[in-house]
Amino acid sequence: MTAKVPKGVAKGALRKVHGGSRRQEYSASTRRALVDVATDLFTERGYAGTSLDEIVAGARVTKGALYHHFSGKQALFESVFEKVEERAARDINRAVRGNRDPWEKALGGLRAFLEVLQEPDYRRIVIADGPAVLGYERYREQEERTTFGIVQEIVSSVLATYELEPSMVETFSRVFFGAMSAAGAAVSSAEDTRKAGAEVEAAIAYILAGLRAMAESGAPLPGPADLVDDDTSQAPADEDEPGHDPDAP
């Protein structure tokens, strides 16, 4: 049985659409192959130790096909970096969403992040090569785009009891995000990544336990105004003030 062509649609137009769809699928599969092969090679040999010739050979495409999708090796690395980061963010987000209790949510997110740090592609591509290849600004931009929102959600949950100003929640988020980034670098470069990860988990668990104890006891967190010295209270006595003896010991 022959399918009827809808009125107003020429058969030639259908062939063009189908042909265009096949080209798009082929183009997408070529791009995926390049990114997948590059991910394996960048993980195994690092950015500096991987050549474009090896990548196109592994993907079984021409160098012209590579340049059709990417301007060069760095642009391909950025796509690989995004792929690895986005997968890590999904794993961490899944762990966070799996807990309703804010404190368990925080620990679940931490453990998921530490598990991500055990993955060779994340350690090599994101932690080791990412900052040098992308540059500091671009690296931080990519990192914040994928994981900072998760950290912000966790911090907002655990600090909800204190009813802090949004600016303070943002500050807490930045502090914890920086701590996690530094911890990630330390764990990924350790000889025993499992032991290093366990130590990071213990250290952050202590901090969270302290915040939780304060929250449950009703103890307030000090605000910025509580930590600013009052300069007037520490001002030296005026030498011309009555009763002041400049020669007094």
C-alpha atoms as a PDB file:
ATOM      1  CA  MET A   1       0.000   0.000   0.000  1.00  0.00           C
ATOM      2  CA  THR A   2       1.442   3.363  -1.028  1.00  0.00           C
ATOM      3  CA  ALA A   3       1.308   6.150   1.545  1.00  0.00           C
ATOM      4  CA  LYS A   4      -0.523   9.235   0.367  1.00  0.00           C
ATOM      5  CA  VAL A   5       1.336  12.511   0.207  1.00  0.00           C
ATOM      6  CA  PRO A   6      -0.491  15.265   2.113  1.00  0.00           C
ATOM      7  CA  LYS A   7      -2.060  17.901  -0.084  1.00  0.00           C
ATOM      8  CA  GLY A   8       0.133  20.908  -0.712  1.00  0.00           C
ATOM      9  CA  VAL A   9       3.362  18.943  -0.103  1.00  0.00           C
ATOM     10  CA  ALA A  10       5.359  18.008  -3.169  1.00  0.00           C
ATOM     11  CA  LYS A  11       7.050  14.619  -3.339  1.00  0.00           C
ATOM     12  CA  GLY A  12      10.344  16.312  -4.093  1.00  0.00           C
ATOM     13  CA  ALA A  13      10.006  18.341  -0.900  1.00  0.00           C
ATOM     14  CA  LEU A  14       9.582  15.144   1.107  1.00  0.00           C
ATOM     15  CA  ARG A  15      12.705  13.673  -0.427  1.00  0.00           C
ATOM     16  CA  LYS A  16      14.586  16.857   0.487  1.00  0.00           C
ATOM     17  CA  VAL A  17      13.366  16.709   4.090  1.00  0.00           C
ATOM     18  CA  HIS A  18      14.307  13.045   4.415  1.00  0.00           C
ATOM     19  CA  GLY A  19      17.680  13.662   2.855  1.00  0.00           C
ATOM     20  CA  GLY A  20      18.305  16.598   5.157  1.00  0.00           C
ATOM     21  CA  SER A  21      17.336  14.500   8.161  1.00  0.00           C
ATOM     22  CA  ARG A  22      19.819  11.781   7.183  1.00  0.00           C
ATOM     23  CA  ARG A  23      22.573  14.355   6.774  1.00  0.00           C
ATOM     24  CA  GLN A  24      21.785  15.801  10.191  1.00  0.00           C
ATOM     25  CA  GLU A  25      21.872  12.352  11.777  1.00  0.00           C
ATOM     26  CA  TYR A  26      25.186  11.585  10.112  1.00  0.00           C
ATOM     27  CA  SER A  27      26.601  14.928  11.212  1.00  0.00           C
ATOM     28  CA  ALA A  28      25.447  14.341  14.795  1.00  0.00           C
ATOM     29  CA  SER A  29      26.919  10.824  14.860  1.00  0.00           C
ATOM     30  CA  THR A  30      30.233  12.160  13.522  1.00  0.00           C
ATOM     31  CA  ARG A  31      30.362  14.772  16.256  1.00  0.00           C
ATOM     32  CA  ARG A  32      29.542  12.179  18.937  1.00  0.00           C
ATOM     33  CA  ALA A  33      32.252   9.870  17.637  1.00  0.00           C
ATOM     34  CA  LEU A  34      34.842  12.653  17.751  1.00  0.00           C
ATOM     35  CA  VAL A  35      33.870  13.646  21.293  1.00  0.00           C
ATOM     36  CA  ASP A  36      33.798  10.030  22.529  1.00  0.00           C
ATOM     37  CA  VAL A  37      37.196   9.160  21.043  1.00  0.00           C
ATOM     38  CA  ALA A  38      38.689  12.435  22.282  1.00  0.00           C
ATOM     39  CA  THR A  39      37.338  11.724  25.785  1.00  0.00           C
ATOM     40  CA  ASP A  40      39.140   8.376  25.894  1.00  0.00           C
ATOM     41  CA  LEU A  41      42.411   9.781  24.518  1.00  0.00           C
ATOM     42  CA  PHE A  42      42.410  12.912  26.700  1.00  0.00           C
ATOM     43  CA  THR A  43      41.765  10.689  29.734  1.00  0.00           C
ATOM     44  CA  GLU A  44      44.535   8.258  28.877  1.00  0.00           C
ATOM     45  CA  ARG A  45      47.203  10.613  27.511  1.00  0.00           C
ATOM     46  CA  GLY A  46      46.169  14.093  28.585  1.00  0.00           C
ATOM     47  CA  TYR A  47      45.528  17.105  26.371  1.00  0.00           C
ATOM     48  CA  ALA A  48      49.179  17.718  25.472  1.00  0.00           C
ATOM     49  CA  GLY A  49      49.821  14.060  24.676  1.00  0.00           C
ATOM     50  CA  THR A  50      46.900  13.678  22.267  1.00  0.00           C
ATOM     51  CA  SER A  51      47.041  14.632  18.578  1.00  0.00           C
ATOM     52  CA  LEU A  52      44.196  15.429  16.203  1.00  0.00           C
ATOM     53  CA  ASP A  53      45.480  12.716  13.864  1.00  0.00           C
ATOM     54  CA  GLU A  54      44.911  10.113  16.586  1.00  0.00           C
ATOM     55  CA  ILE A  55      41.420  11.440  17.250  1.00  0.00           C
ATOM     56  CA  VAL A  56      40.239  11.383  13.627  1.00  0.00           C
ATOM     57  CA  ALA A  57      41.790   7.939  13.139  1.00  0.00           C
ATOM     58  CA  GLY A  58      39.951   6.609  16.188  1.00  0.00           C
ATOM     59  CA  ALA A  59      36.672   8.185  15.054  1.00  0.00           C
ATOM     60  CA  ARG A  60      37.237   6.952  11.477  1.00  0.00           C
ATOM     61  CA  VAL A  61      36.583  10.346   9.946  1.00  0.00           C
ATOM     62  CA  THR A  62      38.663  12.835   8.002  1.00  0.00           C
ATOM     63  CA  LYS A  63      40.351  15.856   9.500  1.00  0.00           C
ATOM     64  CA  GLY A  64      38.048  17.958   7.345  1.00  0.00           C
ATOM     65  CA  ALA A  65      35.068  16.419   9.161  1.00  0.00           C
ATOM     66  CA  LEU A  66      36.657  17.374  12.468  1.00  0.00           C
ATOM     67  CA  TYR A  67      37.139  20.978  11.373  1.00  0.00           C
ATOM     68  CA  HIS A  68      33.540  21.049  10.180  1.00  0.00           C
ATOM     69  CA  HIS A  69      32.442  20.617  13.805  1.00  0.00           C
ATOM     70  CA  PHE A  70      35.318  22.145  15.777  1.00  0.00           C
ATOM     71  CA  SER A  71      37.701  24.999  15.120  1.00  0.00           C
ATOM     72  CA  GLY A  72      40.573  22.982  16.542  1.00  0.00           C
ATOM     73  CA  LYS A  73      41.859  20.841  19.380  1.00  0.00           C
ATOM     74  CA  GLN A  74      40.938  23.280  22.145  1.00  0.00           C
ATOM     75  CA  ALA A  75      37.352  23.615  20.905  1.00  0.00           C
ATOM     76  CA  LEU A  76      37.062  19.827  20.874  1.00  0.00           C
ATOM     77  CA  PHE A  77      38.477  19.696  24.409  1.00  0.00           C
ATOM     78  CA  GLU A  78      35.826  22.199  25.549  1.00  0.00           C
ATOM     79  CA  SER A  79      33.082  19.911  24.254  1.00  0.00           C
ATOM     80  CA  VAL A  80      34.674  16.954  26.035  1.00  0.00           C
ATOM     81  CA  PHE A  81      34.996  19.005  29.234  1.00  0.00           C
ATOM     82  CA  GLU A  82      31.318  19.996  29.055  1.00  0.00           C
ATOM     83  CA  LYS A  83      30.260  16.391  28.509  1.00  0.00           C
ATOM     84  CA  VAL A  84      32.222  15.138  31.534  1.00  0.00           C
ATOM     85  CA  GLU A  85      31.112  18.023  33.751  1.00  0.00           C
ATOM     86  CA  GLU A  86      27.451  17.684  32.805  1.00  0.00           C
ATOM     87  CA  ARG A  87      27.491  13.945  33.524  1.00  0.00           C
ATOM     88  CA  ALA A  88      29.062  14.632  36.929  1.00  0.00           C
ATOM     89  CA  ALA A  89      26.454  17.300  37.668  1.00  0.00           C
ATOM     90  CA  ARG A  90      23.654  14.848  36.827  1.00  0.00           C
ATOM     91  CA  ASP A  91      25.101  12.241  39.192  1.00  0.00           C
ATOM     92  CA  ILE A  92      25.452  14.748  42.025  1.00  0.00           C
ATOM     93  CA  ASN A  93      22.022  16.232  41.380  1.00  0.00           C
ATOM     94  CA  ARG A  94      20.463  12.761  41.470  1.00  0.00           C
ATOM     95  CA  ALA A  95      22.006  12.140  44.899  1.00  0.00           C
ATOM     96  CA  VAL A  96      20.810  15.510  46.172  1.00  0.00           C
ATOM     97  CA  ARG A  97      17.254  14.986  44.912  1.00  0.00           C
ATOM     98  CA  GLY A  98      17.146  11.606  46.607  1.00  0.00           C
ATOM     99  CA  ASN A  99      17.093  13.175  50.106  1.00  0.00           C
ATOM    100  CA  ARG A 100      14.431  15.393  51.652  1.00  0.00           C
ATOM    101  CA  ASP A 101      16.281  16.114  54.868  1.00  0.00           C
ATOM    102  CA  PRO A 102      18.568  19.101  54.118  1.00  0.00           C
ATOM    103  CA  TRP A 103      21.482  17.712  56.124  1.00  0.00           C
ATOM    104  CA  GLU A 104      21.267  14.307  54.445  1.00  0.00           C
ATOM    105  CA  LYS A 105      20.929  16.122  51.143  1.00  0.00           C
ATOM    106  CA  ALA A 106      24.206  17.924  51.823  1.00  0.00           C
ATOM    107  CA  LEU A 107      26.020  14.702  52.776  1.00  0.00           C
ATOM    108  CA  GLY A 108      24.525  12.874  49.799  1.00  0.00           C
ATOM    109  CA  GLY A 109      25.752  15.578  47.433  1.00  0.00           C
ATOM    110  CA  LEU A 110      29.192  15.512  49.035  1.00  0.00           C
ATOM    111  CA  ARG A 111      29.499  11.732  48.714  1.00  0.00           C
ATOM    112  CA  ALA A 112      28.347  11.837  45.101  1.00  0.00           C
ATOM    113  CA  PHE A 113      30.972  14.487  44.337  1.00  0.00           C
ATOM    114  CA  LEU A 114      33.681  12.404  45.997  1.00  0.00           C
ATOM    115  CA  GLU A 115      32.610   9.417  43.912  1.00  0.00           C
ATOM    116  CA  VAL A 116      32.889  11.542  40.776  1.00  0.00           C
ATOM    117  CA  LEU A 117      36.470  12.323  41.796  1.00  0.00           C
ATOM    118  CA  GLN A 118      37.290   8.617  41.591  1.00  0.00           C
ATOM    119  CA  GLU A 119      36.512   8.621  37.853  1.00  0.00           C
ATOM    120  CA  PRO A 120      39.685   8.877  35.725  1.00  0.00           C
ATOM    121  CA  ASP A 121      38.123  11.061  33.015  1.00  0.00           C
ATOM    122  CA  TYR A 122      36.923  13.646  35.547  1.00  0.00           C
ATOM    123  CA  ARG A 123      40.258  13.748  37.341  1.00  0.00           C
ATOM    124  CA  ARG A 124      42.281  14.115  34.146  1.00  0.00           C
ATOM    125  CA  ILE A 125      40.029  16.296  31.994  1.00  0.00           C
ATOM    126  CA  VAL A 126      38.272  18.534  34.519  1.00  0.00           C
ATOM    127  CA  ILE A 127      40.716  18.759  37.410  1.00  0.00           C
ATOM    128  CA  ALA A 128      44.162  18.268  35.850  1.00  0.00           C
ATOM    129  CA  ASP A 129      43.897  19.711  32.332  1.00  0.00           C
ATOM    130  CA  GLY A 130      40.794  21.906  32.530  1.00  0.00           C
ATOM    131  CA  PRO A 131      42.258  25.039  34.169  1.00  0.00           C
ATOM    132  CA  ALA A 132      45.361  25.117  31.946  1.00  0.00           C
ATOM    133  CA  VAL A 133      43.575  24.427  28.645  1.00  0.00           C
ATOM    134  CA  LEU A 134      40.499  26.599  29.189  1.00  0.00           C
ATOM    135  CA  GLY A 135      42.124  29.359  31.225  1.00  0.00           C
ATOM    136  CA  TYR A 136      41.007  30.325  34.719  1.00  0.00           C
ATOM    137  CA  GLU A 137      38.025  32.500  33.750  1.00  0.00           C
ATOM    138  CA  ARG A 138      36.587  30.042  31.238  1.00  0.00           C
ATOM    139  CA  TYR A 139      37.185  27.133  33.606  1.00  0.00           C
ATOM    140  CA  ARG A 140      35.341  28.819  36.474  1.00  0.00           C
ATOM    141  CA  GLU A 141      32.521  29.821  34.147  1.00  0.00           C
ATOM    142  CA  GLN A 142      32.031  26.221  33.005  1.00  0.00           C
ATOM    143  CA  GLU A 143      32.306  24.870  36.535  1.00  0.00           C
ATOM    144  CA  GLU A 144      29.774  27.326  37.918  1.00  0.00           C
ATOM    145  CA  ARG A 145      27.376  26.672  35.064  1.00  0.00           C
ATOM    146  CA  THR A 146      27.179  22.978  35.905  1.00  0.00           C
ATOM    147  CA  THR A 147      27.760  22.567  39.655  1.00  0.00           C
ATOM    148  CA  PHE A 148      27.462  25.909  41.472  1.00  0.00           C
ATOM    149  CA  GLY A 149      23.660  25.810  41.302  1.00  0.00           C
ATOM    150  CA  ILE A 150      23.660  22.463  43.113  1.00  0.00           C
ATOM    151  CA  VAL A 151      25.901  23.823  45.870  1.00  0.00           C
ATOM    152  CA  GLN A 152      23.659  26.876  46.177  1.00  0.00           C
ATOM    153  CA  GLU A 153      20.577  24.667  46.557  1.00  0.00           C
ATOM    154  CA  ILE A 154      22.239  22.585  49.269  1.00  0.00           C
ATOM    155  CA  VAL A 155      23.451  25.626  51.207  1.00  0.00           C
ATOM    156  CA  SER A 156      20.034  27.289  50.969  1.00  0.00           C
ATOM    157  CA  SER A 157      18.425  24.147  52.403  1.00  0.00           C
ATOM    158  CA  VAL A 158      20.737  23.744  55.384  1.00  0.00           C
ATOM    159  CA  LEU A 159      20.652  27.453  56.239  1.00  0.00           C
ATOM    160  CA  ALA A 160      16.886  27.883  55.865  1.00  0.00           C
ATOM    161  CA  THR A 161      16.490  27.784  59.661  1.00  0.00           C
ATOM    162  CA  TYR A 162      18.527  30.955  60.092  1.00  0.00           C
ATOM    163  CA  GLU A 163      16.504  33.141  57.689  1.00  0.00           C
ATOM    164  CA  LEU A 164      19.650  34.826  56.386  1.00  0.00           C
ATOM    165  CA  GLU A 165      19.809  37.639  53.889  1.00  0.00           C
ATOM    166  CA  PRO A 166      20.170  36.406  50.280  1.00  0.00           C
ATOM    167  CA  SER A 167      23.614  38.008  50.112  1.00  0.00           C
ATOM    168  CA  MET A 168      24.791  35.890  53.065  1.00  0.00           C
ATOM    169  CA  VAL A 169      23.408  32.706  51.495  1.00  0.00           C
ATOM    170  CA  GLU A 170      25.313  33.630  48.334  1.00  0.00           C
ATOM    171  CA  THR A 171      28.479  34.160  50.387  1.00  0.00           C
ATOM    172  CA  PHE A 172      28.102  30.800  52.143  1.00  0.00           C
ATOM    173  CA  SER A 173      27.573  29.164  48.740  1.00  0.00           C
ATOM    174  CA  ARG A 174      30.732  30.745  47.355  1.00  0.00           C
ATOM    175  CA  VAL A 175      32.756  29.643  50.371  1.00  0.00           C
ATOM    176  CA  PHE A 176      31.534  26.042  50.176  1.00  0.00           C
ATOM    177  CA  PHE A 177      31.914  25.965  46.406  1.00  0.00           C
ATOM    178  CA  GLY A 178      35.509  27.127  46.733  1.00  0.00           C
ATOM    179  CA  ALA A 179      36.152  24.559  49.442  1.00  0.00           C
ATOM    180  CA  MET A 180      34.770  21.770  47.282  1.00  0.00           C
ATOM    181  CA  SER A 181      36.873  22.866  44.302  1.00  0.00           C
ATOM    182  CA  ALA A 182      40.012  22.884  46.447  1.00  0.00           C
ATOM    183  CA  ALA A 183      39.092  19.514  47.953  1.00  0.00           C
ATOM    184  CA  GLY A 184      38.559  18.116  44.471  1.00  0.00           C
ATOM    185  CA  ALA A 185      42.046  19.164  43.394  1.00  0.00           C
ATOM    186  CA  ALA A 186      43.563  17.664  46.565  1.00  0.00           C
ATOM    187  CA  VAL A 187      41.739  14.348  46.218  1.00  0.00           C
ATOM    188  CA  SER A 188      42.433  13.954  42.505  1.00  0.00           C
ATOM    189  CA  SER A 189      46.170  14.470  42.977  1.00  0.00           C
ATOM    190  CA  ALA A 190      46.496  12.206  46.042  1.00  0.00           C
ATOM    191  CA  GLU A 191      48.258   8.856  45.810  1.00  0.00           C
ATOM    192  CA  ASP A 192      45.349   7.195  47.579  1.00  0.00           C
ATOM    193  CA  THR A 193      42.249   8.959  46.265  1.00  0.00           C
ATOM    194  CA  ARG A 194      39.893   6.830  48.376  1.00  0.00           C
ATOM    195  CA  LYS A 195      41.640   7.756  51.610  1.00  0.00           C
ATOM    196  CA  ALA A 196      41.838  11.422  50.607  1.00  0.00           C
ATOM    197  CA  GLY A 197      38.137  11.410  49.740  1.00  0.00           C
ATOM    198  CA  ALA A 198      37.244   9.864  53.101  1.00  0.00           C
ATOM    199  CA  GLU A 199      39.255  12.569  54.890  1.00  0.00           C
ATOM    200  CA  VAL A 200      37.470  15.327  52.960  1.00  0.00           C
ATOM    201  CA  GLU A 201      34.106  13.753  53.771  1.00  0.00           C
ATOM    202  CA  ALA A 202      35.000  13.606  57.473  1.00  0.00           C
ATOM    203  CA  ALA A 203      36.175  17.237  57.546  1.00  0.00           C
ATOM    204  CA  ILE A 204      33.063  18.612  55.841  1.00  0.00           C
ATOM    205  CA  ALA A 205      30.826  16.330  57.906  1.00  0.00           C
ATOM    206  CA  TYR A 206      32.288  17.945  61.051  1.00  0.00           C
ATOM    207  CA  ILE A 207      31.422  21.396  59.701  1.00  0.00           C
ATOM    208  CA  LEU A 208      27.888  20.335  58.797  1.00  0.00           C
ATOM    209  CA  ALA A 209      27.433  18.692  62.205  1.00  0.00           C
ATOM    210  CA  GLY A 210      28.409  21.936  63.899  1.00  0.00           C
ATOM    211  CA  LEU A 211      25.959  23.963  61.816  1.00  0.00           C
ATOM    212  CA  ARG A 212      23.240  21.412  62.492  1.00  0.00           C
ATOM    213  CA  ALA A 213      23.842  21.486  66.241  1.00  0.00           C
ATOM    214  CA  MET A 214      23.627  25.279  66.225  1.00  0.00           C
ATOM    215  CA  ALA A 215      20.433  25.206  64.182  1.00  0.00           C
ATOM    216  CA  GLU A 216      18.751  22.612  66.404  1.00  0.00           C
ATOM    217  CA  SER A 217      19.736  24.465  69.591  1.00  0.00           C
ATOM    218  CA  GLY A 218      18.390  27.746  68.252  1.00  0.00           C
ATOM    219  CA  ALA A 219      21.768  29.463  68.450  1.00  0.00           C
ATOM    220  CA  PRO A 220      21.936  32.350  65.977  1.00  0.00           C
ATOM    221  CA  LEU A 221      24.669  32.702  63.408  1.00  0.00           C
ATOM    222  CA  PRO A 222      26.672  35.913  63.812  1.00  0.00           C
ATOM    223  CA  GLY A 223      25.941  38.444  61.088  1.00  0.00           C
ATOM    224  CA  PRO A 224      28.413  40.770  59.376  1.00  0.00           C
ATOM    225  CA  ALA A 225      27.577  43.588  61.792  1.00  0.00           C
ATOM    226  CA  ASP A 226      28.477  41.367  64.760  1.00  0.00           C
ATOM    227  CA  LEU A 227      31.983  40.817  63.406  1.00  0.00           C
ATOM    228  CA  VAL A 228      32.861  44.423  62.552  1.00  0.00           C
ATOM    229  CA  ASP A 229      34.974  46.189  65.179  1.00  0.00           C
ATOM    230  CA  ASP A 230      33.583  49.419  66.557  1.00  0.00           C
ATOM    231  CA  ASP A 231      36.506  51.776  65.959  1.00  0.00           C
ATOM    232  CA  THR A 232      35.107  54.441  68.290  1.00  0.00           C
ATOM    233  CA  SER A 233      35.221  52.082  71.263  1.00  0.00           C
ATOM    234  CA  GLN A 234      38.941  51.507  70.727  1.00  0.00           C
ATOM    235  CA  ALA A 235      39.955  55.089  69.970  1.00  0.00           C
ATOM    236  CA  PRO A 236      42.891  56.361  72.105  1.00  0.00           C
ATOM    237  CA  ALA A 237      42.201  58.975  74.736  1.00  0.00           C
ATOM    238  CA  ASP A 238      42.559  62.574  73.548  1.00  0.00           C
ATOM    239  CA  GLU A 239      45.710  64.134  74.990  1.00  0.00           C
ATOM    240  CA  ASP A 240      43.869  67.420  75.493  1.00  0.00           C
ATOM    241  CA  GLU A 241      41.056  65.748  77.417  1.00  0.00           C
ATOM    242  CA  PRO A 242      40.694  67.142  80.958  1.00  0.00           C
ATOM    243  CA  GLY A 243      42.321  64.952  83.551  1.00  0.00           C
ATOM    244  CA  HIS A 244      44.739  63.410  81.087  1.00  0.00           C
ATOM    245  CA  ASP A 245      48.335  63.558  82.271  1.00  0.00           C
ATOM    246  CA  PRO A 246      50.737  63.075  79.307  1.00  0.00           C
ATOM    247  CA  ASP A 247      53.610  62.355  81.742  1.00  0.00           C
ATOM    248  CA  ALA A 248      51.682  59.669  83.585  1.00  0.00           C
ATOM    249  CA  PRO A 249      53.288  56.165  83.250  1.00  0.00           C
END
